[in-house]
């Protein structure tokens, strides 16, 4: 469950960053915020 949940959450987060980059290419604040939030979340997932 830990493995599946971590990979699922990371996959959703990174896919969301991709969609944000494609949908809002000029909104650097949004993309940067999502990148930082995703990086923190990925670190949490990796710790488990």
ModelCIF file with pLDDT and N, C-alpha, C, O atoms, coordinates in Angstrom:
data_MODEL
#
_entry.id   MODEL 
#
_entity.id                         1 
_entity.type                       polymer 
_entity.pdbx_number_of_molecules   1 
#
_entity_poly.entity_id                      1 
_entity_poly.type                           'polypeptide(L)' 
_entity_poly.nstd_linkage                   no 
_entity_poly.nstd_monomer                   no 
_entity_poly.pdbx_seq_one_letter_code       
;(UNK)(UNK)(UNK)(UNK)(UNK)(UNK)(UNK)(UNK)(UNK)(UNK)(UNK)(UNK)(UNK)(UNK)(UNK)(UNK)
(UNK)(UNK)(UNK)(UNK)(UNK)(UNK)(UNK)(UNK)(UNK)(UNK)(UNK)(UNK)(UNK)(UNK)(UNK)(UNK)
(UNK)(UNK)(UNK)(UNK)(UNK)(UNK)(UNK)(UNK)(UNK)(UNK)(UNK)(UNK)(UNK)(UNK)(UNK)(UNK)
;
_entity_poly.pdbx_seq_one_letter_code_can   XXXXXXXXXXXXXXXXXXXXXXXXXXXXXXXXXXXXXXXXXXXXXXXX 
_entity_poly.pdbx_strand_id                 A 
#
loop_
_entity_poly_seq.entity_id 
_entity_poly_seq.num 
_entity_poly_seq.mon_id 
_entity_poly_seq.hetero 
1 1  UNK n 
1 2  UNK n 
1 3  UNK n 
1 4  UNK n 
1 5  UNK n 
1 6  UNK n 
1 7  UNK n 
1 8  UNK n 
1 9  UNK n 
1 10 UNK n 
1 11 UNK n 
1 12 UNK n 
1 13 UNK n 
1 14 UNK n 
1 15 UNK n 
1 16 UNK n 
1 17 UNK n 
1 18 UNK n 
1 19 UNK n 
1 20 UNK n 
1 21 UNK n 
1 22 UNK n 
1 23 UNK n 
1 24 UNK n 
1 25 UNK n 
1 26 UNK n 
1 27 UNK n 
1 28 UNK n 
1 29 UNK n 
1 30 UNK n 
1 31 UNK n 
1 32 UNK n 
1 33 UNK n 
1 34 UNK n 
1 35 UNK n 
1 36 UNK n 
1 37 UNK n 
1 38 UNK n 
1 39 UNK n 
1 40 UNK n 
1 41 UNK n 
1 42 UNK n 
1 43 UNK n 
1 44 UNK n 
1 45 UNK n 
1 46 UNK n 
1 47 UNK n 
1 48 UNK n 
#
_struct_asym.id          A 
_struct_asym.entity_id   1 
#
loop_
_ma_qa_metric.id 
_ma_qa_metric.mode 
_ma_qa_metric.name 
_ma_qa_metric.software_group_id 
_ma_qa_metric.type 
1 global pLDDT . pLDDT 
2 local  pLDDT . pLDDT 
#
_ma_qa_metric_global.metric_id      1 
_ma_qa_metric_global.metric_value   94.46 
_ma_qa_metric_global.model_id       1 
_ma_qa_metric_global.ordinal_id     1 
#
loop_
_ma_qa_metric_local.label_asym_id 
_ma_qa_metric_local.label_comp_id 
_ma_qa_metric_local.label_seq_id 
_ma_qa_metric_local.metric_id 
_ma_qa_metric_local.metric_value 
_ma_qa_metric_local.model_id 
_ma_qa_metric_local.ordinal_id 
A UNK 1  2 95.00 1 1  
A UNK 2  2 95.00 1 2  
A UNK 3  2 95.00 1 3  
A UNK 4  2 96.00 1 4  
A UNK 5  2 96.00 1 5  
A UNK 6  2 96.00 1 6  
A UNK 7  2 97.00 1 7  
A UNK 8  2 97.00 1 8  
A UNK 9  2 96.00 1 9  
A UNK 10 2 96.00 1 10 
A UNK 11 2 97.00 1 11 
A UNK 12 2 96.00 1 12 
A UNK 13 2 94.00 1 13 
A UNK 14 2 95.00 1 14 
A UNK 15 2 96.00 1 15 
A UNK 16 2 94.00 1 16 
A UNK 17 2 94.00 1 17 
A UNK 18 2 95.00 1 18 
A UNK 19 2 95.00 1 19 
A UNK 20 2 94.00 1 20 
A UNK 21 2 94.00 1 21 
A UNK 22 2 95.00 1 22 
A UNK 23 2 95.00 1 23 
A UNK 24 2 94.00 1 24 
A UNK 25 2 92.00 1 25 
A UNK 26 2 93.00 1 26 
A UNK 27 2 94.00 1 27 
A UNK 28 2 92.00 1 28 
A UNK 29 2 94.00 1 29 
A UNK 30 2 92.00 1 30 
A UNK 31 2 91.00 1 31 
A UNK 32 2 92.00 1 32 
A UNK 33 2 93.00 1 33 
A UNK 34 2 92.00 1 34 
A UNK 35 2 92.00 1 35 
A UNK 36 2 94.00 1 36 
A UNK 37 2 94.00 1 37 
A UNK 38 2 94.00 1 38 
A UNK 39 2 94.00 1 39 
A UNK 40 2 95.00 1 40 
A UNK 41 2 95.00 1 41 
A UNK 42 2 94.00 1 42 
A UNK 43 2 95.00 1 43 
A UNK 44 2 95.00 1 44 
A UNK 45 2 96.00 1 45 
A UNK 46 2 94.00 1 46 
A UNK 47 2 95.00 1 47 
A UNK 48 2 95.00 1 48 
#
loop_
_atom_site.group_PDB 
_atom_site.id 
_atom_site.type_symbol 
_atom_site.label_atom_id 
_atom_site.label_alt_id 
_atom_site.label_comp_id 
_atom_site.label_asym_id 
_atom_site.label_entity_id 
_atom_site.label_seq_id 
_atom_site.pdbx_PDB_ins_code 
_atom_site.Cartn_x 
_atom_site.Cartn_y 
_atom_site.Cartn_z 
_atom_site.occupancy 
_atom_site.B_iso_or_equiv 
_atom_site.pdbx_formal_charge 
_atom_site.auth_seq_id 
_atom_site.auth_comp_id 
_atom_site.auth_asym_id 
_atom_site.auth_atom_id 
_atom_site.pdbx_PDB_model_num 
ATOM 1   N N  . UNK A 1 1  ? 0.823  -1.210 0.000   1.00 95.00 ? 1  UNK A N  1 
ATOM 2   C CA . UNK A 1 1  ? 0.000  0.000  0.000   1.00 95.00 ? 1  UNK A CA 1 
ATOM 3   C C  . UNK A 1 1  ? 0.857  1.259  0.000   1.00 95.00 ? 1  UNK A C  1 
ATOM 4   O O  . UNK A 1 1  ? 0.508  2.251  -0.641  1.00 95.00 ? 1  UNK A O  1 
ATOM 5   N N  . UNK A 1 2  ? 1.971  1.222  0.714   1.00 95.00 ? 2  UNK A N  1 
ATOM 6   C CA . UNK A 1 2  ? 2.890  2.365  0.741   1.00 95.00 ? 2  UNK A CA 1 
ATOM 7   C C  . UNK A 1 2  ? 3.453  2.605  -0.652  1.00 95.00 ? 2  UNK A C  1 
ATOM 8   O O  . UNK A 1 2  ? 3.475  3.742  -1.125  1.00 95.00 ? 2  UNK A O  1 
ATOM 9   N N  . UNK A 1 3  ? 3.907  1.541  -1.316  1.00 95.00 ? 3  UNK A N  1 
ATOM 10  C CA . UNK A 1 3  ? 4.486  1.672  -2.646  1.00 95.00 ? 3  UNK A CA 1 
ATOM 11  C C  . UNK A 1 3  ? 3.477  2.214  -3.647  1.00 95.00 ? 3  UNK A C  1 
ATOM 12  O O  . UNK A 1 3  ? 3.778  3.133  -4.408  1.00 95.00 ? 3  UNK A O  1 
ATOM 13  N N  . UNK A 1 4  ? 2.274  1.639  -3.640  1.00 96.00 ? 4  UNK A N  1 
ATOM 14  C CA . UNK A 1 4  ? 1.237  2.059  -4.584  1.00 96.00 ? 4  UNK A CA 1 
ATOM 15  C C  . UNK A 1 4  ? 0.823  3.508  -4.310  1.00 96.00 ? 4  UNK A C  1 
ATOM 16  O O  . UNK A 1 4  ? 0.723  4.314  -5.234  1.00 96.00 ? 4  UNK A O  1 
ATOM 17  N N  . UNK A 1 5  ? 0.584  3.829  -3.048  1.00 96.00 ? 5  UNK A N  1 
ATOM 18  C CA . UNK A 1 5  ? 0.139  5.185  -2.700  1.00 96.00 ? 5  UNK A CA 1 
ATOM 19  C C  . UNK A 1 5  ? 1.195  6.224  -3.064  1.00 96.00 ? 5  UNK A C  1 
ATOM 20  O O  . UNK A 1 5  ? 0.862  7.282  -3.598  1.00 96.00 ? 5  UNK A O  1 
ATOM 21  N N  . UNK A 1 6  ? 2.458  5.935  -2.782  1.00 96.00 ? 6  UNK A N  1 
ATOM 22  C CA . UNK A 1 6  ? 3.529  6.894  -3.085  1.00 96.00 ? 6  UNK A CA 1 
ATOM 23  C C  . UNK A 1 6  ? 3.638  7.123  -4.588  1.00 96.00 ? 6  UNK A C  1 
ATOM 24  O O  . UNK A 1 6  ? 3.689  8.268  -5.038  1.00 96.00 ? 6  UNK A O  1 
ATOM 25  N N  . UNK A 1 7  ? 3.675  6.052  -5.362  1.00 97.00 ? 7  UNK A N  1 
ATOM 26  C CA . UNK A 1 7  ? 3.790  6.215  -6.811  1.00 97.00 ? 7  UNK A CA 1 
ATOM 27  C C  . UNK A 1 7  ? 2.544  6.866  -7.410  1.00 97.00 ? 7  UNK A C  1 
ATOM 28  O O  . UNK A 1 7  ? 2.650  7.661  -8.343  1.00 97.00 ? 7  UNK A O  1 
ATOM 29  N N  . UNK A 1 8  ? 1.382  6.538  -6.886  1.00 97.00 ? 8  UNK A N  1 
ATOM 30  C CA . UNK A 1 8  ? 0.145  7.138  -7.380  1.00 97.00 ? 8  UNK A CA 1 
ATOM 31  C C  . UNK A 1 8  ? 0.133  8.642  -7.113  1.00 97.00 ? 8  UNK A C  1 
ATOM 32  O O  . UNK A 1 8  ? -0.185 9.431  -8.003  1.00 97.00 ? 8  UNK A O  1 
ATOM 33  N N  . UNK A 1 9  ? 0.476  9.034  -5.897  1.00 96.00 ? 9  UNK A N  1 
ATOM 34  C CA . UNK A 1 9  ? 0.490  10.460 -5.551  1.00 96.00 ? 9  UNK A CA 1 
ATOM 35  C C  . UNK A 1 9  ? 1.525  11.219 -6.377  1.00 96.00 ? 9  UNK A C  1 
ATOM 36  O O  . UNK A 1 9  ? 1.237  12.300 -6.890  1.00 96.00 ? 9  UNK A O  1 
ATOM 37  N N  . UNK A 1 10 ? 2.716  10.664 -6.506  1.00 96.00 ? 10 UNK A N  1 
ATOM 38  C CA . UNK A 1 10 ? 3.754  11.323 -7.298  1.00 96.00 ? 10 UNK A CA 1 
ATOM 39  C C  . UNK A 1 10 ? 3.318  11.432 -8.760  1.00 96.00 ? 10 UNK A C  1 
ATOM 40  O O  . UNK A 1 10 ? 3.518  12.468 -9.393  1.00 96.00 ? 10 UNK A O  1 
ATOM 41  N N  . UNK A 1 11 ? 2.728  10.373 -9.291  1.00 97.00 ? 11 UNK A N  1 
ATOM 42  C CA . UNK A 1 11 ? 2.256  10.400 -10.679 1.00 97.00 ? 11 UNK A CA 1 
ATOM 43  C C  . UNK A 1 11 ? 1.213  11.470 -10.903 1.00 97.00 ? 11 UNK A C  1 
ATOM 44  O O  . UNK A 1 11 ? 1.264  12.186 -11.903 1.00 97.00 ? 11 UNK A O  1 
ATOM 45  N N  . UNK A 1 12 ? 0.262  11.592 -9.986  1.00 96.00 ? 12 UNK A N  1 
ATOM 46  C CA . UNK A 1 12 ? -0.777 12.625 -10.107 1.00 96.00 ? 12 UNK A CA 1 
ATOM 47  C C  . UNK A 1 12 ? -0.160 14.016 -10.015 1.00 96.00 ? 12 UNK A C  1 
ATOM 48  O O  . UNK A 1 12 ? -0.514 14.901 -10.794 1.00 96.00 ? 12 UNK A O  1 
ATOM 49  N N  . UNK A 1 13 ? 0.754  14.217 -9.074  1.00 94.00 ? 13 UNK A N  1 
ATOM 50  C CA . UNK A 1 13 ? 1.380  15.529 -8.904  1.00 94.00 ? 13 UNK A CA 1 
ATOM 51  C C  . UNK A 1 13 ? 2.187  15.949 -10.128 1.00 94.00 ? 13 UNK A C  1 
ATOM 52  O O  . UNK A 1 13 ? 2.064  17.078 -10.602 1.00 94.00 ? 13 UNK A O  1 
ATOM 53  N N  . UNK A 1 14 ? 3.004  15.043 -10.632 1.00 95.00 ? 14 UNK A N  1 
ATOM 54  C CA . UNK A 1 14 ? 3.847  15.389 -11.777 1.00 95.00 ? 14 UNK A CA 1 
ATOM 55  C C  . UNK A 1 14 ? 2.988  15.598 -13.024 1.00 95.00 ? 14 UNK A C  1 
ATOM 56  O O  . UNK A 1 14 ? 3.279  16.476 -13.836 1.00 95.00 ? 14 UNK A O  1 
ATOM 57  N N  . UNK A 1 15 ? 1.946  14.807 -13.177 1.00 96.00 ? 15 UNK A N  1 
ATOM 58  C CA . UNK A 1 15 ? 1.040  15.003 -14.308 1.00 96.00 ? 15 UNK A CA 1 
ATOM 59  C C  . UNK A 1 15 ? 0.332  16.353 -14.194 1.00 96.00 ? 15 UNK A C  1 
ATOM 60  O O  . UNK A 1 15 ? 0.135  17.035 -15.201 1.00 96.00 ? 15 UNK A O  1 
ATOM 61  N N  . UNK A 1 16 ? -0.047 16.740 -12.989 1.00 94.00 ? 16 UNK A N  1 
ATOM 62  C CA . UNK A 1 16 ? -0.683 18.049 -12.772 1.00 94.00 ? 16 UNK A CA 1 
ATOM 63  C C  . UNK A 1 16 ? 0.277  19.186 -13.122 1.00 94.00 ? 16 UNK A C  1 
ATOM 64  O O  . UNK A 1 16 ? -0.137 20.188 -13.705 1.00 94.00 ? 16 UNK A O  1 
ATOM 65  N N  . UNK A 1 17 ? 1.542  19.039 -12.773 1.00 94.00 ? 17 UNK A N  1 
ATOM 66  C CA . UNK A 1 17 ? 2.537  20.051 -13.140 1.00 94.00 ? 17 UNK A CA 1 
ATOM 67  C C  . UNK A 1 17 ? 2.637  20.151 -14.658 1.00 94.00 ? 17 UNK A C  1 
ATOM 68  O O  . UNK A 1 17 ? 2.711  21.252 -15.206 1.00 94.00 ? 17 UNK A O  1 
ATOM 69  N N  . UNK A 1 18 ? 2.638  19.014 -15.336 1.00 95.00 ? 18 UNK A N  1 
ATOM 70  C CA . UNK A 1 18 ? 2.691  19.001 -16.798 1.00 95.00 ? 18 UNK A CA 1 
ATOM 71  C C  . UNK A 1 18 ? 1.491  19.725 -17.401 1.00 95.00 ? 18 UNK A C  1 
ATOM 72  O O  . UNK A 1 18 ? 1.639  20.542 -18.310 1.00 95.00 ? 18 UNK A O  1 
ATOM 73  N N  . UNK A 1 19 ? 0.310  19.418 -16.891 1.00 95.00 ? 19 UNK A N  1 
ATOM 74  C CA . UNK A 1 19 ? -0.910 20.054 -17.399 1.00 95.00 ? 19 UNK A CA 1 
ATOM 75  C C  . UNK A 1 19 ? -0.860 21.564 -17.141 1.00 95.00 ? 19 UNK A C  1 
ATOM 76  O O  . UNK A 1 19 ? -1.247 22.352 -18.005 1.00 95.00 ? 19 UNK A O  1 
ATOM 77  N N  . UNK A 1 20 ? -0.393 21.966 -15.973 1.00 94.00 ? 20 UNK A N  1 
ATOM 78  C CA . UNK A 1 20 ? -0.281 23.396 -15.664 1.00 94.00 ? 20 UNK A CA 1 
ATOM 79  C C  . UNK A 1 20 ? 0.709  24.083 -16.605 1.00 94.00 ? 20 UNK A C  1 
ATOM 80  O O  . UNK A 1 20 ? 0.457  25.194 -17.070 1.00 94.00 ? 20 UNK A O  1 
ATOM 81  N N  . UNK A 1 21 ? 1.831  23.423 -16.885 1.00 94.00 ? 21 UNK A N  1 
ATOM 82  C CA . UNK A 1 21 ? 2.824  23.997 -17.802 1.00 94.00 ? 21 UNK A CA 1 
ATOM 83  C C  . UNK A 1 21 ? 2.247  24.151 -19.206 1.00 94.00 ? 21 UNK A C  1 
ATOM 84  O O  . UNK A 1 21 ? 2.520  25.138 -19.889 1.00 94.00 ? 21 UNK A O  1 
ATOM 85  N N  . UNK A 1 22 ? 1.448  23.173 -19.636 1.00 95.00 ? 22 UNK A N  1 
ATOM 86  C CA . UNK A 1 22 ? 0.853  23.235 -20.973 1.00 95.00 ? 22 UNK A CA 1 
ATOM 87  C C  . UNK A 1 22 ? -0.301 24.234 -21.035 1.00 95.00 ? 22 UNK A C  1 
ATOM 88  O O  . UNK A 1 22 ? -0.447 24.954 -22.022 1.00 95.00 ? 22 UNK A O  1 
ATOM 89  N N  . UNK A 1 23 ? -1.117 24.280 -19.989 1.00 95.00 ? 23 UNK A N  1 
ATOM 90  C CA . UNK A 1 23 ? -2.303 25.140 -19.989 1.00 95.00 ? 23 UNK A CA 1 
ATOM 91  C C  . UNK A 1 23 ? -1.973 26.600 -19.677 1.00 95.00 ? 23 UNK A C  1 
ATOM 92  O O  . UNK A 1 23 ? -2.614 27.510 -20.202 1.00 95.00 ? 23 UNK A O  1 
ATOM 93  N N  . UNK A 1 24 ? -0.983 26.818 -18.830 1.00 94.00 ? 24 UNK A N  1 
ATOM 94  C CA . UNK A 1 24 ? -0.633 28.178 -18.400 1.00 94.00 ? 24 UNK A CA 1 
ATOM 95  C C  . UNK A 1 24 ? 0.868  28.423 -18.557 1.00 94.00 ? 24 UNK A C  1 
ATOM 96  O O  . UNK A 1 24 ? 1.561  28.645 -17.565 1.00 94.00 ? 24 UNK A O  1 
ATOM 97  N N  . UNK A 1 25 ? 1.371  28.385 -19.774 1.00 92.00 ? 25 UNK A N  1 
ATOM 98  C CA . UNK A 1 25 ? 2.831  28.475 -19.965 1.00 92.00 ? 25 UNK A CA 1 
ATOM 99  C C  . UNK A 1 25 ? 3.442  29.801 -19.504 1.00 92.00 ? 25 UNK A C  1 
ATOM 100 O O  . UNK A 1 25 ? 4.635  29.864 -19.206 1.00 92.00 ? 25 UNK A O  1 
ATOM 101 N N  . UNK A 1 26 ? 2.640  30.841 -19.447 1.00 93.00 ? 26 UNK A N  1 
ATOM 102 C CA . UNK A 1 26 ? 3.175  32.149 -19.056 1.00 93.00 ? 26 UNK A CA 1 
ATOM 103 C C  . UNK A 1 26 ? 2.984  32.460 -17.572 1.00 93.00 ? 26 UNK A C  1 
ATOM 104 O O  . UNK A 1 26 ? 3.496  33.467 -17.084 1.00 93.00 ? 26 UNK A O  1 
ATOM 105 N N  . UNK A 1 27 ? 2.261  31.616 -16.856 1.00 94.00 ? 27 UNK A N  1 
ATOM 106 C CA . UNK A 1 27 ? 2.008  31.851 -15.429 1.00 94.00 ? 27 UNK A CA 1 
ATOM 107 C C  . UNK A 1 27 ? 3.115  31.200 -14.604 1.00 94.00 ? 27 UNK A C  1 
ATOM 108 O O  . UNK A 1 27 ? 2.937  30.115 -14.051 1.00 94.00 ? 27 UNK A O  1 
ATOM 109 N N  . UNK A 1 28 ? 4.252  31.874 -14.533 1.00 92.00 ? 28 UNK A N  1 
ATOM 110 C CA . UNK A 1 28 ? 5.414  31.296 -13.856 1.00 92.00 ? 28 UNK A CA 1 
ATOM 111 C C  . UNK A 1 28 ? 5.187  31.122 -12.360 1.00 92.00 ? 28 UNK A C  1 
ATOM 112 O O  . UNK A 1 28 ? 5.739  30.203 -11.755 1.00 92.00 ? 28 UNK A O  1 
ATOM 113 N N  . UNK A 1 29 ? 4.381  31.992 -11.757 1.00 94.00 ? 29 UNK A N  1 
ATOM 114 C CA . UNK A 1 29 ? 4.116  31.845 -10.315 1.00 94.00 ? 29 UNK A CA 1 
ATOM 115 C C  . UNK A 1 29 ? 3.362  30.547 -10.034 1.00 94.00 ? 29 UNK A C  1 
ATOM 116 O O  . UNK A 1 29 ? 3.682  29.834 -9.083  1.00 94.00 ? 29 UNK A O  1 
ATOM 117 N N  . UNK A 1 30 ? 2.373  30.244 -10.852 1.00 92.00 ? 30 UNK A N  1 
ATOM 118 C CA . UNK A 1 30 ? 1.604  29.011 -10.677 1.00 92.00 ? 30 UNK A CA 1 
ATOM 119 C C  . UNK A 1 30 ? 2.493  27.795 -10.875 1.00 92.00 ? 30 UNK A C  1 
ATOM 120 O O  . UNK A 1 30 ? 2.515  26.887 -10.045 1.00 92.00 ? 30 UNK A O  1 
ATOM 121 N N  . UNK A 1 31 ? 3.224  27.788 -11.980 1.00 91.00 ? 31 UNK A N  1 
ATOM 122 C CA . UNK A 1 31 ? 4.076  26.635 -12.291 1.00 91.00 ? 31 UNK A CA 1 
ATOM 123 C C  . UNK A 1 31 ? 5.149  26.469 -11.223 1.00 91.00 ? 31 UNK A C  1 
ATOM 124 O O  . UNK A 1 31 ? 5.398  25.350 -10.775 1.00 91.00 ? 31 UNK A O  1 
ATOM 125 N N  . UNK A 1 32 ? 5.787  27.557 -10.808 1.00 92.00 ? 32 UNK A N  1 
ATOM 126 C CA . UNK A 1 32 ? 6.821  27.476 -9.780  1.00 92.00 ? 32 UNK A CA 1 
ATOM 127 C C  . UNK A 1 32 ? 6.229  26.982 -8.457  1.00 92.00 ? 32 UNK A C  1 
ATOM 128 O O  . UNK A 1 32 ? 6.824  26.139 -7.786  1.00 92.00 ? 32 UNK A O  1 
ATOM 129 N N  . UNK A 1 33 ? 5.069  27.503 -8.088  1.00 93.00 ? 33 UNK A N  1 
ATOM 130 C CA . UNK A 1 33 ? 4.405  27.047 -6.862  1.00 93.00 ? 33 UNK A CA 1 
ATOM 131 C C  . UNK A 1 33 ? 4.081  25.566 -6.900  1.00 93.00 ? 33 UNK A C  1 
ATOM 132 O O  . UNK A 1 33 ? 4.286  24.850 -5.920  1.00 93.00 ? 33 UNK A O  1 
ATOM 133 N N  . UNK A 1 34 ? 3.569  25.106 -8.048  1.00 92.00 ? 34 UNK A N  1 
ATOM 134 C CA . UNK A 1 34 ? 3.278  23.670 -8.192  1.00 92.00 ? 34 UNK A CA 1 
ATOM 135 C C  . UNK A 1 34 ? 4.549  22.836 -8.140  1.00 92.00 ? 34 UNK A C  1 
ATOM 136 O O  . UNK A 1 34 ? 4.557  21.753 -7.555  1.00 92.00 ? 34 UNK A O  1 
ATOM 137 N N  . UNK A 1 35 ? 5.618  23.329 -8.744  1.00 92.00 ? 35 UNK A N  1 
ATOM 138 C CA . UNK A 1 35 ? 6.884  22.595 -8.707  1.00 92.00 ? 35 UNK A CA 1 
ATOM 139 C C  . UNK A 1 35 ? 7.397  22.438 -7.280  1.00 92.00 ? 35 UNK A C  1 
ATOM 140 O O  . UNK A 1 35 ? 7.826  21.352 -6.892  1.00 92.00 ? 35 UNK A O  1 
ATOM 141 N N  . UNK A 1 36 ? 7.355  23.508 -6.502  1.00 94.00 ? 36 UNK A N  1 
ATOM 142 C CA . UNK A 1 36 ? 7.833  23.448 -5.120  1.00 94.00 ? 36 UNK A CA 1 
ATOM 143 C C  . UNK A 1 36 ? 6.927  22.540 -4.280  1.00 94.00 ? 36 UNK A C  1 
ATOM 144 O O  . UNK A 1 36 ? 7.415  21.696 -3.528  1.00 94.00 ? 36 UNK A O  1 
ATOM 145 N N  . UNK A 1 37 ? 5.611  22.715 -4.411  1.00 94.00 ? 37 UNK A N  1 
ATOM 146 C CA . UNK A 1 37 ? 4.675  21.870 -3.651  1.00 94.00 ? 37 UNK A CA 1 
ATOM 147 C C  . UNK A 1 37 ? 4.843  20.403 -4.034  1.00 94.00 ? 37 UNK A C  1 
ATOM 148 O O  . UNK A 1 37 ? 4.791  19.521 -3.176  1.00 94.00 ? 37 UNK A O  1 
ATOM 149 N N  . UNK A 1 38 ? 5.043  20.148 -5.313  1.00 94.00 ? 38 UNK A N  1 
ATOM 150 C CA . UNK A 1 38 ? 5.249  18.763 -5.759  1.00 94.00 ? 38 UNK A CA 1 
ATOM 151 C C  . UNK A 1 38 ? 6.558  18.205 -5.237  1.00 94.00 ? 38 UNK A C  1 
ATOM 152 O O  . UNK A 1 38 ? 6.616  17.049 -4.818  1.00 94.00 ? 38 UNK A O  1 
ATOM 153 N N  . UNK A 1 39 ? 7.608  19.010 -5.255  1.00 94.00 ? 39 UNK A N  1 
ATOM 154 C CA . UNK A 1 39 ? 8.907  18.547 -4.758  1.00 94.00 ? 39 UNK A CA 1 
ATOM 155 C C  . UNK A 1 39 ? 8.824  18.168 -3.284  1.00 94.00 ? 39 UNK A C  1 
ATOM 156 O O  . UNK A 1 39 ? 9.367  17.141 -2.876  1.00 94.00 ? 39 UNK A O  1 
ATOM 157 N N  . UNK A 1 40 ? 8.150  18.989 -2.485  1.00 95.00 ? 40 UNK A N  1 
ATOM 158 C CA . UNK A 1 40 ? 7.984  18.679 -1.060  1.00 95.00 ? 40 UNK A CA 1 
ATOM 159 C C  . UNK A 1 40 ? 7.174  17.389 -0.901  1.00 95.00 ? 40 UNK A C  1 
ATOM 160 O O  . UNK A 1 40 ? 7.530  16.524 -0.102  1.00 95.00 ? 40 UNK A O  1 
ATOM 161 N N  . UNK A 1 41 ? 6.096  17.267 -1.657  1.00 95.00 ? 41 UNK A N  1 
ATOM 162 C CA . UNK A 1 41 ? 5.253  16.069 -1.575  1.00 95.00 ? 41 UNK A CA 1 
ATOM 163 C C  . UNK A 1 41 ? 6.010  14.827 -2.023  1.00 95.00 ? 41 UNK A C  1 
ATOM 164 O O  . UNK A 1 41 ? 5.861  13.757 -1.431  1.00 95.00 ? 41 UNK A O  1 
ATOM 165 N N  . UNK A 1 42 ? 6.818  14.968 -3.065  1.00 94.00 ? 42 UNK A N  1 
ATOM 166 C CA . UNK A 1 42 ? 7.624  13.838 -3.535  1.00 94.00 ? 42 UNK A CA 1 
ATOM 167 C C  . UNK A 1 42 ? 8.636  13.429 -2.475  1.00 94.00 ? 42 UNK A C  1 
ATOM 168 O O  . UNK A 1 42 ? 8.868  12.237 -2.271  1.00 94.00 ? 42 UNK A O  1 
ATOM 169 N N  . UNK A 1 43 ? 9.238  14.396 -1.802  1.00 95.00 ? 43 UNK A N  1 
ATOM 170 C CA . UNK A 1 43 ? 10.165 14.084 -0.714  1.00 95.00 ? 43 UNK A CA 1 
ATOM 171 C C  . UNK A 1 43 ? 9.486  13.319 0.402   1.00 95.00 ? 43 UNK A C  1 
ATOM 172 O O  . UNK A 1 43 ? 10.059 12.385 0.964   1.00 95.00 ? 43 UNK A O  1 
ATOM 173 N N  . UNK A 1 44 ? 8.260  13.716 0.726   1.00 95.00 ? 44 UNK A N  1 
ATOM 174 C CA . UNK A 1 44 ? 7.490  13.003 1.757   1.00 95.00 ? 44 UNK A CA 1 
ATOM 175 C C  . UNK A 1 44 ? 7.206  11.578 1.294   1.00 95.00 ? 44 UNK A C  1 
ATOM 176 O O  . UNK A 1 44 ? 7.392  10.627 2.052   1.00 95.00 ? 44 UNK A O  1 
ATOM 177 N N  . UNK A 1 45 ? 6.755  11.432 0.050   1.00 96.00 ? 45 UNK A N  1 
ATOM 178 C CA . UNK A 1 45 ? 6.471  10.091 -0.480  1.00 96.00 ? 45 UNK A CA 1 
ATOM 179 C C  . UNK A 1 45 ? 7.727  9.225  -0.496  1.00 96.00 ? 45 UNK A C  1 
ATOM 180 O O  . UNK A 1 45 ? 7.684  8.055  -0.115  1.00 96.00 ? 45 UNK A O  1 
ATOM 181 N N  . UNK A 1 46 ? 8.850  9.802  -0.939  1.00 94.00 ? 46 UNK A N  1 
ATOM 182 C CA . UNK A 1 46 ? 10.101 9.047  -0.989  1.00 94.00 ? 46 UNK A CA 1 
ATOM 183 C C  . UNK A 1 46 ? 10.565 8.601  0.391   1.00 94.00 ? 46 UNK A C  1 
ATOM 184 O O  . UNK A 1 46 ? 11.182 7.546  0.534   1.00 94.00 ? 46 UNK A O  1 
ATOM 185 N N  . UNK A 1 47 ? 10.265 9.413  1.414   1.00 95.00 ? 47 UNK A N  1 
ATOM 186 C CA . UNK A 1 47 ? 10.696 9.039  2.766   1.00 95.00 ? 47 UNK A CA 1 
ATOM 187 C C  . UNK A 1 47 ? 10.000 7.767  3.241   1.00 95.00 ? 47 UNK A C  1 
ATOM 188 O O  . UNK A 1 47 ? 10.498 7.089  4.140   1.00 95.00 ? 47 UNK A O  1 
ATOM 189 N N  . UNK A 1 48 ? 8.862  7.438  2.650   1.00 95.00 ? 48 UNK A N  1 
ATOM 190 C CA . UNK A 1 48 ? 8.165  6.196  2.987   1.00 95.00 ? 48 UNK A CA 1 
ATOM 191 C C  . UNK A 1 48 ? 8.434  5.106  1.938   1.00 95.00 ? 48 UNK A C  1 
ATOM 192 O O  . UNK A 1 48 ? 7.926  3.992  2.061   1.00 95.00 ? 48 UNK A O  1 
#
